[in-house]
Protein backbone atom coordinates (compact mmCIF):
# COMPACT_ATOMS: atom_id res chain seq x y z
CA MET A 1 17.85 -7.88 18.53
CA HIS A 2 18.59 -11.52 17.75
CA SER A 3 19.60 -12.56 14.24
CA PRO A 4 17.06 -14.16 11.88
CA LYS A 5 17.07 -17.96 12.06
CA LYS A 6 16.49 -20.69 9.56
CA LEU A 7 12.89 -21.84 9.53
CA PHE A 8 13.53 -25.11 11.33
CA ASP A 9 15.36 -23.38 14.17
CA TYR A 10 12.01 -22.29 15.66
CA SER A 11 10.11 -24.60 17.97
CA THR A 12 6.76 -22.80 17.79
CA PHE A 13 4.95 -21.66 14.66
CA ILE A 14 1.99 -19.31 15.03
CA PHE A 15 -0.20 -18.97 11.95
CA ASP A 16 -2.74 -16.35 11.01
CA LEU A 17 -5.90 -17.99 9.65
CA ASP A 18 -7.84 -16.11 6.96
CA GLY A 19 -5.35 -14.92 4.36
CA CYS A 20 -2.78 -17.46 5.45
CA ILE A 21 -4.16 -20.95 6.15
CA HIS A 22 -7.33 -20.34 4.16
CA PHE A 23 -9.12 -17.76 2.02
CA GLY A 24 -12.75 -17.66 3.04
CA ASN A 25 -13.94 -21.23 2.52
CA THR A 26 -10.93 -22.31 0.43
CA VAL A 27 -7.82 -23.81 1.98
CA ALA A 28 -4.49 -22.27 0.98
CA GLU A 29 -2.41 -24.51 -1.27
CA GLY A 30 0.26 -26.26 0.76
CA ALA A 31 -1.21 -25.35 4.17
CA PRO A 32 -2.31 -28.84 5.31
CA GLU A 33 0.99 -30.31 4.11
CA LEU A 34 3.04 -27.68 5.90
CA LEU A 35 1.21 -28.19 9.19
CA THR A 36 1.66 -31.98 8.93
CA LEU A 37 5.37 -31.55 8.20
CA LEU A 38 5.89 -29.27 11.20
CA ARG A 39 4.08 -31.63 13.54
CA LYS A 40 6.17 -34.54 12.33
CA GLN A 41 9.20 -32.48 13.32
CA ASN A 42 7.69 -32.04 16.82
CA LYS A 43 7.05 -28.33 16.37
CA ASN A 44 4.27 -26.50 18.20
CA VAL A 45 1.63 -25.50 15.63
CA LEU A 46 -0.71 -22.76 16.80
CA PHE A 47 -3.16 -20.32 15.26
CA LEU A 48 -3.79 -16.67 16.15
CA SER A 49 -6.77 -14.85 14.71
CA ASN A 50 -8.61 -11.60 15.37
CA ASN A 51 -11.89 -13.46 14.95
CA SER A 52 -14.34 -12.41 17.67
CA THR A 53 -17.38 -13.85 15.90
CA HIS A 54 -16.81 -17.56 16.38
CA SER A 55 -15.68 -19.94 19.10
CA PRO A 56 -12.58 -22.16 18.79
CA GLU A 57 -14.89 -25.16 18.39
CA THR A 58 -16.76 -23.54 15.50
CA ILE A 59 -13.58 -22.56 13.68
CA SER A 60 -11.97 -25.95 14.29
CA LYS A 61 -14.92 -27.68 12.62
CA LYS A 62 -14.80 -25.27 9.67
CA LEU A 63 -11.09 -25.89 9.16
CA GLU A 64 -11.58 -29.65 9.47
CA LYS A 65 -13.97 -29.54 6.51
CA MET A 66 -11.17 -27.88 4.52
CA GLY A 67 -8.68 -30.58 5.46
CA VAL A 68 -6.90 -28.51 8.13
CA ASP A 69 -6.28 -30.07 11.53
CA ALA A 70 -6.63 -27.29 14.11
CA PRO A 71 -7.86 -28.53 17.50
CA PRO A 72 -9.67 -25.87 19.59
CA SER A 73 -6.82 -25.89 22.11
CA THR A 74 -4.45 -24.58 19.41
CA LEU A 75 -6.68 -21.65 18.44
CA TYR A 76 -6.04 -18.27 20.03
CA LEU A 77 -8.87 -15.93 19.03
CA ALA A 78 -9.72 -12.34 19.86
CA SER A 79 -12.79 -13.72 21.64
CA THR A 80 -10.87 -16.14 23.87
CA LEU A 81 -8.08 -13.63 24.54
CA THR A 82 -10.57 -11.00 25.69
CA SER A 83 -12.34 -13.49 27.96
CA ARG A 84 -9.01 -14.57 29.39
CA PHE A 85 -7.93 -11.00 30.15
CA VAL A 86 -11.23 -9.97 31.71
CA THR A 87 -11.20 -13.02 33.97
CA GLN A 88 -7.60 -12.39 35.02
CA GLN A 89 -8.13 -8.68 35.58
CA HIS A 90 -11.61 -8.57 37.10
CA GLY A 91 -12.40 -12.09 38.34
CA ILE A 92 -15.84 -13.55 37.78
CA SER A 93 -18.17 -10.63 37.07
CA THR A 94 -21.43 -9.50 35.57
CA LEU A 95 -20.55 -8.23 32.10
CA CYS A 96 -22.29 -6.48 29.25
CA VAL A 97 -21.31 -8.14 25.96
CA ALA A 98 -22.27 -6.91 22.50
CA GLY A 99 -21.49 -9.76 20.14
CA THR A 100 -22.47 -13.15 18.78
CA ASP A 101 -23.70 -16.11 20.78
CA ASP A 102 -20.27 -17.71 20.34
CA LEU A 103 -18.59 -14.66 21.88
CA ILE A 104 -21.03 -14.58 24.78
CA SER A 105 -20.39 -18.29 25.40
CA GLU A 106 -16.66 -17.62 25.85
CA PHE A 107 -17.54 -15.53 28.91
CA THR A 108 -20.28 -17.73 30.33
CA LYS A 109 -17.92 -20.73 30.12
CA GLN A 110 -15.62 -18.82 32.48
CA GLY A 111 -18.49 -18.35 34.93
CA HIS A 112 -19.36 -14.75 34.10
CA THR A 113 -22.94 -13.51 34.01
CA VAL A 114 -23.62 -11.80 30.70
CA VAL A 115 -26.28 -9.20 29.89
CA LEU A 116 -26.99 -7.47 26.60
CA PRO A 117 -26.46 -3.72 26.10
CA GLU A 118 -30.21 -3.06 26.11
CA SER A 119 -30.64 -4.73 29.51
CA ASP A 120 -31.63 -2.71 32.58
CA VAL A 121 -28.90 -4.47 34.57
CA GLU A 122 -26.00 -2.11 35.21
CA THR A 123 -22.44 -3.39 34.69
CA ASP A 124 -18.96 -2.00 35.19
CA ILE A 125 -17.63 -3.54 31.99
CA LEU A 126 -18.74 -3.39 28.34
CA ILE A 127 -17.18 -5.79 25.85
CA LEU A 128 -17.67 -5.23 22.13
CA GLY A 129 -17.03 -7.88 19.50
CA ARG A 130 -18.02 -8.13 15.86
CA ASP A 131 -21.69 -7.81 16.74
CA LEU A 132 -23.86 -8.94 13.81
CA ASN A 133 -26.91 -7.36 15.50
CA PHE A 134 -25.28 -3.95 15.91
CA ASP A 135 -27.76 -1.20 15.03
CA PHE A 136 -28.81 2.29 16.11
CA THR A 137 -30.46 1.03 19.29
CA ARG A 138 -27.43 -1.02 20.32
CA LEU A 139 -25.04 1.83 19.52
CA LYS A 140 -27.01 4.11 21.80
CA ALA A 141 -27.13 1.48 24.57
CA CYS A 142 -23.38 0.80 24.39
CA ALA A 143 -22.50 4.48 24.37
CA ASN A 144 -24.69 5.29 27.36
CA ARG A 145 -23.19 2.46 29.42
CA ILE A 146 -19.73 3.87 28.78
CA LEU A 147 -20.85 7.40 29.57
CA LYS A 148 -22.09 6.05 32.92
CA GLY A 149 -18.58 4.76 33.66
CA ALA A 150 -18.37 1.23 32.25
CA ILE A 151 -14.88 0.11 31.20
CA PHE A 152 -14.76 -0.23 27.41
CA TYR A 153 -13.06 -3.32 25.95
CA ALA A 154 -13.02 -4.25 22.25
CA CYS A 155 -12.01 -7.74 21.16
CA ASN A 156 -9.89 -6.36 18.32
CA ALA A 157 -9.20 -3.09 16.56
CA ASP A 158 -9.59 -4.21 12.91
CA LEU A 159 -11.87 -1.92 10.95
CA THR A 160 -12.68 -4.38 8.15
CA HIS A 161 -11.95 -7.82 6.77
CA PRO A 162 -12.35 -9.16 3.21
CA SER A 163 -15.75 -10.50 2.24
CA LEU A 164 -16.34 -13.52 0.01
CA ASP A 165 -17.64 -11.28 -2.80
CA GLY A 166 -14.37 -9.35 -2.97
CA GLY A 167 -15.60 -6.39 -0.95
CA LYS A 168 -15.20 -5.55 2.72
CA GLU A 169 -17.04 -6.56 5.88
CA PRO A 170 -17.20 -4.27 8.92
CA GLU A 171 -15.09 -5.48 11.83
CA THR A 172 -15.08 -4.82 15.56
CA GLY A 173 -12.93 -1.71 15.18
CA ALA A 174 -15.52 -0.05 12.95
CA LEU A 175 -18.26 -0.64 15.52
CA ALA A 176 -15.99 0.56 18.32
CA ALA A 177 -15.23 3.72 16.33
CA ALA A 178 -18.95 4.55 16.29
CA VAL A 179 -19.14 4.15 20.07
CA THR A 180 -16.02 6.26 20.50
CA ALA A 181 -17.52 8.95 18.28
CA MET A 182 -20.45 9.22 20.73
CA THR A 183 -18.44 8.99 23.94
CA GLY A 184 -14.95 10.29 23.17
CA ILE A 185 -13.61 7.14 24.87
CA LYS A 186 -11.45 4.62 23.03
CA PRO A 187 -11.57 0.95 24.04
CA GLN A 188 -8.71 -1.26 25.13
CA PRO A 189 -8.35 -3.78 22.29
CA PHE A 190 -7.09 -7.36 22.26
CA GLY A 191 -5.96 -9.67 19.49
CA LYS A 192 -3.23 -8.67 17.06
CA PRO A 193 -1.14 -6.52 17.11
CA GLU A 194 -1.47 -6.28 20.90
CA ALA A 195 1.43 -7.93 22.74
CA TYR A 196 -1.01 -9.68 25.09
CA ALA A 197 -2.02 -12.15 22.39
CA TYR A 198 1.56 -13.32 21.93
CA GLU A 199 2.37 -13.22 25.63
CA CYS A 200 -0.47 -15.67 26.32
CA ILE A 201 1.08 -18.16 23.91
CA MET A 202 4.53 -17.80 25.42
CA GLN A 203 3.08 -18.23 28.91
CA ASP A 204 1.04 -21.31 27.99
CA PHE A 205 3.99 -23.06 26.37
CA ASN A 206 6.64 -21.69 28.72
CA ILE A 207 8.64 -20.53 25.74
CA ALA A 208 10.72 -17.44 24.98
CA ALA A 209 9.92 -15.14 22.06
CA GLU A 210 13.14 -16.02 20.23
CA TYR A 211 11.87 -19.58 19.63
CA CYS A 212 8.58 -18.43 18.06
CA LEU A 213 7.78 -17.50 14.46
CA MET A 214 4.58 -15.67 13.50
CA VAL A 215 3.38 -16.39 9.95
CA GLY A 216 0.87 -14.06 8.32
CA ASP A 217 0.00 -11.74 5.46
CA ASN A 218 -0.89 -8.52 7.28
CA PRO A 219 2.08 -6.26 8.16
CA ALA A 220 -0.07 -4.09 10.46
CA THR A 221 -1.30 -6.97 12.63
CA ASP A 222 0.64 -10.19 12.12
CA ILE A 223 4.09 -8.68 11.60
CA GLN A 224 3.77 -5.65 13.88
CA GLY A 225 2.29 -7.76 16.66
CA ALA A 226 5.13 -10.25 16.53
CA ARG A 227 7.64 -7.41 16.51
CA THR A 228 6.01 -5.84 19.58
CA ALA A 229 6.28 -9.17 21.40
CA GLY A 230 9.90 -9.68 20.36
CA MET A 231 9.16 -12.54 17.97
CA ASP A 232 10.44 -13.13 14.46
CA ALA A 233 7.83 -13.01 11.71
CA CYS A 234 7.32 -14.54 8.29
CA TRP A 235 5.47 -12.27 5.86
CA LEU A 236 3.38 -13.88 3.13
CA MET A 237 3.38 -11.34 0.31
CA LEU A 238 0.41 -12.90 -1.54
CA THR A 239 -0.76 -10.16 -3.94
CA ALA A 240 1.41 -7.38 -2.56
CA LYS A 241 3.03 -5.48 -5.41
CA SER A 242 6.05 -4.36 -3.44
CA ALA A 243 8.69 -6.77 -2.20
CA GLU A 244 9.83 -4.24 0.41
CA ARG A 245 10.26 -6.04 3.69
CA PRO A 246 7.90 -4.74 6.42
CA LYS A 247 9.64 -3.78 9.64
CA GLY A 248 9.91 -6.87 11.80
CA ALA A 249 9.64 -9.41 8.94
CA THR A 250 12.60 -11.75 9.18
CA HIS A 251 11.38 -14.13 6.45
CA ILE A 252 9.39 -13.46 3.25
CA TYR A 253 7.55 -15.86 0.94
CA ARG A 254 4.99 -15.19 -1.74
CA THR A 255 2.63 -17.93 -0.48
CA ILE A 256 2.46 -20.57 2.23
CA GLN A 257 3.15 -23.15 -0.50
CA ASP A 258 6.53 -21.47 -1.07
CA GLY A 259 7.27 -21.76 2.63
CA TYR A 260 6.36 -25.45 2.57
CA GLU A 261 8.67 -26.09 -0.38
CA ALA A 262 11.51 -24.25 1.37
CA MET A 263 11.13 -26.48 4.42
CA CYS A 264 11.07 -29.61 2.27
CA LYS A 265 14.35 -28.55 0.63
CA HIS A 266 15.85 -27.96 4.06
CA LEU A 267 15.01 -31.53 5.10
CA GLU A 268 16.52 -32.91 1.90
CA GLN A 269 19.89 -31.29 2.59
């Protein structure tokens, strides 16, 4: 296990989005400044999110409105990671996808033919994202495809994510759990904390894990995922009451603003 480095020793910074760069529709204090500072120092600035609802283009435009520069090419999403894996593993295929139009477009852009779960067209693969149209009929259709032998992929395993009203929104993992309850078959997930998400970044930038730092607030996804891939991780405590360092966290800050200030001090030395 390599020793923790100083922040500027890393060449590639991978940021979680919601809960790190922004909170719902509000940008995190210090986030735009930190990203600008890193880019001025010729660091790779990337984003890794378990979002399977939106496309990179949609998220990029949303972040732009908040003053965050995040080109689509820098966004690694559960949707794009799943599409990438399916294409690598199965080639161009006819797929059944339960998800949003943005998710479906990630597969059609690769050349796949996509049908909905209720279609009469049989497929060997079922992909489940955070499907906003998921209901009793779709649950039954998904389950029966799997019972007939379709491979079951889920874009991510998260059960919930925070809603703007302070409550919780169901995530892909919650929908997948319902399908599993009917079939007894668990899906192969993508996104964090799966190593595949981090391996794609290292492959694309031809970079070793020791030069990468994952920055996020969720120990179970951001920190654990980085640890699985052999990367260092920076944990943003945010509202956590305990300062106990999660396993795999090599750096800890209360907020991303604190991290920005630490980097500024480093440059002043």
